[in-house]
């Protein structure tokens, strides 16, 4: 009696084991994936999309904002900070003046005027910094209280005081998203 292929029991996996060289070749991938070269039209299109997204971000359009800036509470904080003058806005020019003062000569050891001027201005810079921090603490507490009234005290997000303080210490023209309100036009 001869066994036919149909009646023979199937053992194994049904094909030969591939050699190590064949397995390594199958798994080999380039370290840097090949990028399809972009045509000029594709580059122009991507550039236009980036410009649109940048303009939307600067204008404060919600869909273009990063997660850090999204949401009605963050918008309220931005509007509240942008509606008022803050001491922090003037910190960069004051700090720059402090750096310039440190490079002034001390006019020799016989004249204490240069050293007196430097130390006085540096103390004034640090005093201004402390006033800026105190100002940020005072208005941020008021802002959170107002937000509690508007959004509900239990619904106010964490980190809004810091978000507002960081924005308050920036030059108004350099803030992004750009200010949407004029000075004195506080959010309702």
C-alpha atoms as a PDB file:
ATOM      1  CA  UNK A   1       0.000   0.000   0.000  1.00  0.00           C
ATOM      2  CA  UNK A   2       1.493   3.330  -1.020  1.00  0.00           C
ATOM      3  CA  UNK A   3       0.775   6.616   0.583  1.00  0.00           C
ATOM      4  CA  UNK A   4      -0.636   9.263  -1.620  1.00  0.00           C
ATOM      5  CA  UNK A   5       0.018  12.929  -0.964  1.00  0.00           C
ATOM      6  CA  UNK A   6      -3.593  13.331   0.083  1.00  0.00           C
ATOM      7  CA  UNK A   7      -3.391  10.683   2.766  1.00  0.00           C
ATOM      8  CA  UNK A   8       0.093  11.611   4.097  1.00  0.00           C
ATOM      9  CA  UNK A   9       0.022  13.435   7.430  1.00  0.00           C
ATOM     10  CA  UNK A  10       1.168  17.067   7.167  1.00  0.00           C
ATOM     11  CA  UNK A  11       4.070  17.847   9.428  1.00  0.00           C
ATOM     12  CA  UNK A  12       6.040  21.057   9.775  1.00  0.00           C
ATOM     13  CA  UNK A  13       5.164  24.430   8.372  1.00  0.00           C
ATOM     14  CA  UNK A  14       4.986  23.482   4.727  1.00  0.00           C
ATOM     15  CA  UNK A  15       8.052  25.367   3.489  1.00  0.00           C
ATOM     16  CA  UNK A  16      11.783  25.410   4.039  1.00  0.00           C
ATOM     17  CA  UNK A  17      13.300  27.536   6.769  1.00  0.00           C
ATOM     18  CA  UNK A  18      14.732  30.702   5.231  1.00  0.00           C
ATOM     19  CA  UNK A  19      18.435  31.267   5.620  1.00  0.00           C
ATOM     20  CA  UNK A  20      19.699  33.895   8.035  1.00  0.00           C
ATOM     21  CA  UNK A  21      20.820  36.046   5.130  1.00  0.00           C
ATOM     22  CA  UNK A  22      17.317  35.980   3.623  1.00  0.00           C
ATOM     23  CA  UNK A  23      15.693  36.911   6.996  1.00  0.00           C
ATOM     24  CA  UNK A  24      18.077  39.818   7.590  1.00  0.00           C
ATOM     25  CA  UNK A  25      17.497  41.096   4.061  1.00  0.00           C
ATOM     26  CA  UNK A  26      13.722  40.973   4.623  1.00  0.00           C
ATOM     27  CA  UNK A  27      14.018  42.955   7.879  1.00  0.00           C
ATOM     28  CA  UNK A  28      16.473  45.536   6.560  1.00  0.00           C
ATOM     29  CA  UNK A  29      15.113  49.085   6.476  1.00  0.00           C
ATOM     30  CA  UNK A  30      16.951  52.329   5.838  1.00  0.00           C
ATOM     31  CA  UNK A  31      17.884  54.389   8.908  1.00  0.00           C
ATOM     32  CA  UNK A  32      16.348  57.492   7.352  1.00  0.00           C
ATOM     33  CA  UNK A  33      13.132  56.830   5.463  1.00  0.00           C
ATOM     34  CA  UNK A  34      13.109  57.884   1.843  1.00  0.00           C
ATOM     35  CA  UNK A  35      11.143  61.067   1.340  1.00  0.00           C
ATOM     36  CA  UNK A  36       9.260  61.571  -1.794  1.00  0.00           C
ATOM     37  CA  UNK A  37      10.762  64.629  -3.417  1.00  0.00           C
ATOM     38  CA  UNK A  38       8.328  67.493  -3.232  1.00  0.00           C
ATOM     39  CA  UNK A  39       7.443  69.408  -6.304  1.00  0.00           C
ATOM     40  CA  UNK A  40       7.488  73.183  -6.311  1.00  0.00           C
ATOM     41  CA  UNK A  41       3.693  73.182  -6.244  1.00  0.00           C
ATOM     42  CA  UNK A  42       3.649  70.956  -3.138  1.00  0.00           C
ATOM     43  CA  UNK A  43       6.158  73.226  -1.392  1.00  0.00           C
ATOM     44  CA  UNK A  44       4.158  76.312  -2.331  1.00  0.00           C
ATOM     45  CA  UNK A  45       0.969  74.683  -1.044  1.00  0.00           C
ATOM     46  CA  UNK A  46       2.569  73.680   2.267  1.00  0.00           C
ATOM     47  CA  UNK A  47       4.038  77.147   2.669  1.00  0.00           C
ATOM     48  CA  UNK A  48       0.612  78.715   2.120  1.00  0.00           C
ATOM     49  CA  UNK A  49      -0.908  76.350   4.704  1.00  0.00           C
ATOM     50  CA  UNK A  50       1.790  77.290   7.230  1.00  0.00           C
ATOM     51  CA  UNK A  51       1.205  80.994   6.620  1.00  0.00           C
ATOM     52  CA  UNK A  52      -2.540  80.529   7.084  1.00  0.00           C
ATOM     53  CA  UNK A  53      -1.971  78.595  10.312  1.00  0.00           C
ATOM     54  CA  UNK A  54       0.465  81.238  11.585  1.00  0.00           C
ATOM     55  CA  UNK A  55      -1.973  84.061  10.808  1.00  0.00           C
ATOM     56  CA  UNK A  56      -4.771  82.103  12.514  1.00  0.00           C
ATOM     57  CA  UNK A  57      -2.578  81.513  15.568  1.00  0.00           C
ATOM     58  CA  UNK A  58      -1.641  85.170  15.833  1.00  0.00           C
ATOM     59  CA  UNK A  59      -5.283  86.202  15.412  1.00  0.00           C
ATOM     60  CA  UNK A  60      -6.292  83.791  18.179  1.00  0.00           C
ATOM     61  CA  UNK A  61      -8.488  81.476  16.089  1.00  0.00           C
ATOM     62  CA  UNK A  62      -9.247  78.487  18.290  1.00  0.00           C
ATOM     63  CA  UNK A  63      -8.461  75.756  15.744  1.00  0.00           C
ATOM     64  CA  UNK A  64      -4.939  77.073  15.095  1.00  0.00           C
ATOM     65  CA  UNK A  65      -3.980  77.486  18.757  1.00  0.00           C
ATOM     66  CA  UNK A  66      -1.716  74.972  20.488  1.00  0.00           C
ATOM     67  CA  UNK A  67      -3.244  73.137  23.487  1.00  0.00           C
ATOM     68  CA  UNK A  68      -1.478  75.585  25.822  1.00  0.00           C
ATOM     69  CA  UNK A  69      -3.656  78.457  24.529  1.00  0.00           C
ATOM     70  CA  UNK A  70      -6.965  76.719  23.774  1.00  0.00           C
ATOM     71  CA  UNK A  71     -10.197  77.160  25.639  1.00  0.00           C
ATOM     72  CA  UNK A  72     -12.518  79.899  26.840  1.00  0.00           C
ATOM     73  CA  UNK A  73     -10.740  80.288  30.169  1.00  0.00           C
ATOM     74  CA  UNK A  74      -7.357  80.846  28.521  1.00  0.00           C
ATOM     75  CA  UNK A  75      -9.001  83.372  26.165  1.00  0.00           C
ATOM     76  CA  UNK A  76     -10.435  85.160  29.205  1.00  0.00           C
ATOM     77  CA  UNK A  77      -6.981  85.294  30.829  1.00  0.00           C
ATOM     78  CA  UNK A  78      -5.410  86.677  27.638  1.00  0.00           C
ATOM     79  CA  UNK A  79      -8.109  89.340  27.333  1.00  0.00           C
ATOM     80  CA  UNK A  80      -7.828  90.261  31.010  1.00  0.00           C
ATOM     81  CA  UNK A  81      -4.040  90.634  30.825  1.00  0.00           C
ATOM     82  CA  UNK A  82      -4.177  92.541  27.534  1.00  0.00           C
ATOM     83  CA  UNK A  83      -6.802  94.968  28.872  1.00  0.00           C
ATOM     84  CA  UNK A  84      -4.564  96.367  31.596  1.00  0.00           C
ATOM     85  CA  UNK A  85      -1.159  97.924  32.009  1.00  0.00           C
ATOM     86  CA  UNK A  86       1.120  95.693  34.029  1.00  0.00           C
ATOM     87  CA  UNK A  87       4.413  96.468  35.713  1.00  0.00           C
ATOM     88  CA  UNK A  88       5.847  93.360  34.064  1.00  0.00           C
ATOM     89  CA  UNK A  89       5.565  94.873  30.584  1.00  0.00           C
ATOM     90  CA  UNK A  90       8.303  97.332  31.454  1.00  0.00           C
ATOM     91  CA  UNK A  91      10.659  94.720  32.902  1.00  0.00           C
ATOM     92  CA  UNK A  92      12.608  94.007  29.710  1.00  0.00           C
ATOM     93  CA  UNK A  93      13.603  97.653  29.099  1.00  0.00           C
ATOM     94  CA  UNK A  94      14.442  98.094  32.789  1.00  0.00           C
ATOM     95  CA  UNK A  95      16.543  94.905  32.818  1.00  0.00           C
ATOM     96  CA  UNK A  96      18.306  96.014  29.642  1.00  0.00           C
ATOM     97  CA  UNK A  97      19.139  99.326  31.323  1.00  0.00           C
ATOM     98  CA  UNK A  98      20.459  97.368  34.303  1.00  0.00           C
ATOM     99  CA  UNK A  99      22.767  95.349  32.057  1.00  0.00           C
ATOM    100  CA  UNK A 100      24.040  98.516  30.369  1.00  0.00           C
ATOM    101  CA  UNK A 101      24.708 100.105  33.763  1.00  0.00           C
ATOM    102  CA  UNK A 102      26.869  97.170  34.833  1.00  0.00           C
ATOM    103  CA  UNK A 103      29.234  97.987  31.966  1.00  0.00           C
ATOM    104  CA  UNK A 104      29.714 101.615  33.041  1.00  0.00           C
ATOM    105  CA  UNK A 105      33.184 102.402  34.340  1.00  0.00           C
ATOM    106  CA  UNK A 106      33.571 103.040  38.051  1.00  0.00           C
ATOM    107  CA  UNK A 107      35.551 106.264  37.301  1.00  0.00           C
ATOM    108  CA  UNK A 108      38.560 105.125  39.301  1.00  0.00           C
ATOM    109  CA  UNK A 109      39.004 104.465  42.982  1.00  0.00           C
ATOM    110  CA  UNK A 110      39.096 108.169  43.917  1.00  0.00           C
ATOM    111  CA  UNK A 111      35.550 108.840  42.611  1.00  0.00           C
ATOM    112  CA  UNK A 112      32.709 106.830  44.178  1.00  0.00           C
ATOM    113  CA  UNK A 113      30.139 108.293  41.758  1.00  0.00           C
ATOM    114  CA  UNK A 114      30.366 105.484  39.195  1.00  0.00           C
ATOM    115  CA  UNK A 115      30.055 102.729  41.761  1.00  0.00           C
ATOM    116  CA  UNK A 116      27.265 104.582  43.543  1.00  0.00           C
ATOM    117  CA  UNK A 117      25.362 104.960  40.252  1.00  0.00           C
ATOM    118  CA  UNK A 118      25.773 101.267  39.428  1.00  0.00           C
ATOM    119  CA  UNK A 119      24.671 100.012  42.808  1.00  0.00           C
ATOM    120  CA  UNK A 120      21.720 102.419  42.977  1.00  0.00           C
ATOM    121  CA  UNK A 121      20.434 101.418  39.545  1.00  0.00           C
ATOM    122  CA  UNK A 122      20.889  97.696  40.221  1.00  0.00           C
ATOM    123  CA  UNK A 123      18.959  98.013  43.473  1.00  0.00           C
ATOM    124  CA  UNK A 124      16.250  99.868  41.532  1.00  0.00           C
ATOM    125  CA  UNK A 125      16.118  97.039  38.959  1.00  0.00           C
ATOM    126  CA  UNK A 126      15.655  94.409  41.659  1.00  0.00           C
ATOM    127  CA  UNK A 127      13.077  96.597  43.397  1.00  0.00           C
ATOM    128  CA  UNK A 128      11.181  96.942  40.129  1.00  0.00           C
ATOM    129  CA  UNK A 129      11.287  93.151  39.720  1.00  0.00           C
ATOM    130  CA  UNK A 130       9.785  92.677  43.184  1.00  0.00           C
ATOM    131  CA  UNK A 131       7.082  95.249  42.410  1.00  0.00           C
ATOM    132  CA  UNK A 132       6.312  93.389  39.156  1.00  0.00           C
ATOM    133  CA  UNK A 133       5.958  90.058  40.969  1.00  0.00           C
ATOM    134  CA  UNK A 134       3.737  91.634  43.638  1.00  0.00           C
ATOM    135  CA  UNK A 135       1.599  93.259  40.939  1.00  0.00           C
ATOM    136  CA  UNK A 136       1.204  89.917  39.140  1.00  0.00           C
ATOM    137  CA  UNK A 137       0.199  88.187  42.367  1.00  0.00           C
ATOM    138  CA  UNK A 138      -2.432  90.827  43.186  1.00  0.00           C
ATOM    139  CA  UNK A 139      -4.134  91.002  39.779  1.00  0.00           C
ATOM    140  CA  UNK A 140      -3.944  87.229  39.218  1.00  0.00           C
ATOM    141  CA  UNK A 141      -5.904  86.606  42.428  1.00  0.00           C
ATOM    142  CA  UNK A 142      -8.523  89.107  41.310  1.00  0.00           C
ATOM    143  CA  UNK A 143      -8.638  87.506  37.859  1.00  0.00           C
ATOM    144  CA  UNK A 144      -9.181  84.012  39.298  1.00  0.00           C
ATOM    145  CA  UNK A 145     -11.966  85.363  41.531  1.00  0.00           C
ATOM    146  CA  UNK A 146     -13.677  86.938  38.496  1.00  0.00           C
ATOM    147  CA  UNK A 147     -13.251  83.690  36.553  1.00  0.00           C
ATOM    148  CA  UNK A 148     -14.816  81.772  39.444  1.00  0.00           C
ATOM    149  CA  UNK A 149     -17.863  84.015  39.159  1.00  0.00           C
ATOM    150  CA  UNK A 150     -18.063  83.574  35.394  1.00  0.00           C
ATOM    151  CA  UNK A 151     -17.135  79.887  34.931  1.00  0.00           C
ATOM    152  CA  UNK A 152     -17.961  78.523  38.373  1.00  0.00           C
ATOM    153  CA  UNK A 153     -15.437  78.277  41.186  1.00  0.00           C
ATOM    154  CA  UNK A 154     -15.024  74.509  40.780  1.00  0.00           C
ATOM    155  CA  UNK A 155     -14.533  74.745  36.993  1.00  0.00           C
ATOM    156  CA  UNK A 156     -11.544  77.112  36.956  1.00  0.00           C
ATOM    157  CA  UNK A 157      -8.513  75.373  35.405  1.00  0.00           C
ATOM    158  CA  UNK A 158      -5.213  75.092  37.227  1.00  0.00           C
ATOM    159  CA  UNK A 159      -2.199  77.052  36.016  1.00  0.00           C
ATOM    160  CA  UNK A 160      -4.083  80.134  34.841  1.00  0.00           C
ATOM    161  CA  UNK A 161      -2.273  82.475  37.228  1.00  0.00           C
ATOM    162  CA  UNK A 162       1.080  81.404  35.812  1.00  0.00           C
ATOM    163  CA  UNK A 163      -0.243  81.588  32.238  1.00  0.00           C
ATOM    164  CA  UNK A 164      -1.406  85.151  32.831  1.00  0.00           C
ATOM    165  CA  UNK A 165       1.775  86.198  34.626  1.00  0.00           C
ATOM    166  CA  UNK A 166       3.994  84.935  31.821  1.00  0.00           C
ATOM    167  CA  UNK A 167       1.886  86.836  29.307  1.00  0.00           C
ATOM    168  CA  UNK A 168       1.946  89.974  31.480  1.00  0.00           C
ATOM    169  CA  UNK A 169       5.757  90.039  31.534  1.00  0.00           C
ATOM    170  CA  UNK A 170       5.947  90.167  27.712  1.00  0.00           C
ATOM    171  CA  UNK A 171       5.924  93.265  25.518  1.00  0.00           C
ATOM    172  CA  UNK A 172       2.368  93.806  24.337  1.00  0.00           C
ATOM    173  CA  UNK A 173       3.351  93.945  20.612  1.00  0.00           C
ATOM    174  CA  UNK A 174       5.291  90.669  20.907  1.00  0.00           C
ATOM    175  CA  UNK A 175       2.540  88.635  22.595  1.00  0.00           C
ATOM    176  CA  UNK A 176       1.113  85.698  20.690  1.00  0.00           C
ATOM    177  CA  UNK A 177      -1.735  85.210  20.106  1.00  0.00           C
ATOM    178  CA  UNK A 178      -2.020  88.939  19.423  1.00  0.00           C
ATOM    179  CA  UNK A 179      -4.123  90.985  21.849  1.00  0.00           C
ATOM    180  CA  UNK A 180      -7.785  91.119  20.784  1.00  0.00           C
ATOM    181  CA  UNK A 181      -8.853  93.864  23.178  1.00  0.00           C
ATOM    182  CA  UNK A 182      -7.819  97.476  23.706  1.00  0.00           C
ATOM    183  CA  UNK A 183      -6.464  98.783  26.994  1.00  0.00           C
ATOM    184  CA  UNK A 184      -9.276  99.194  29.505  1.00  0.00           C
ATOM    185  CA  UNK A 185     -11.615  96.861  27.601  1.00  0.00           C
ATOM    186  CA  UNK A 186     -11.883  94.115  30.239  1.00  0.00           C
ATOM    187  CA  UNK A 187     -13.697  90.861  29.396  1.00  0.00           C
ATOM    188  CA  UNK A 188     -17.221  90.502  30.725  1.00  0.00           C
END
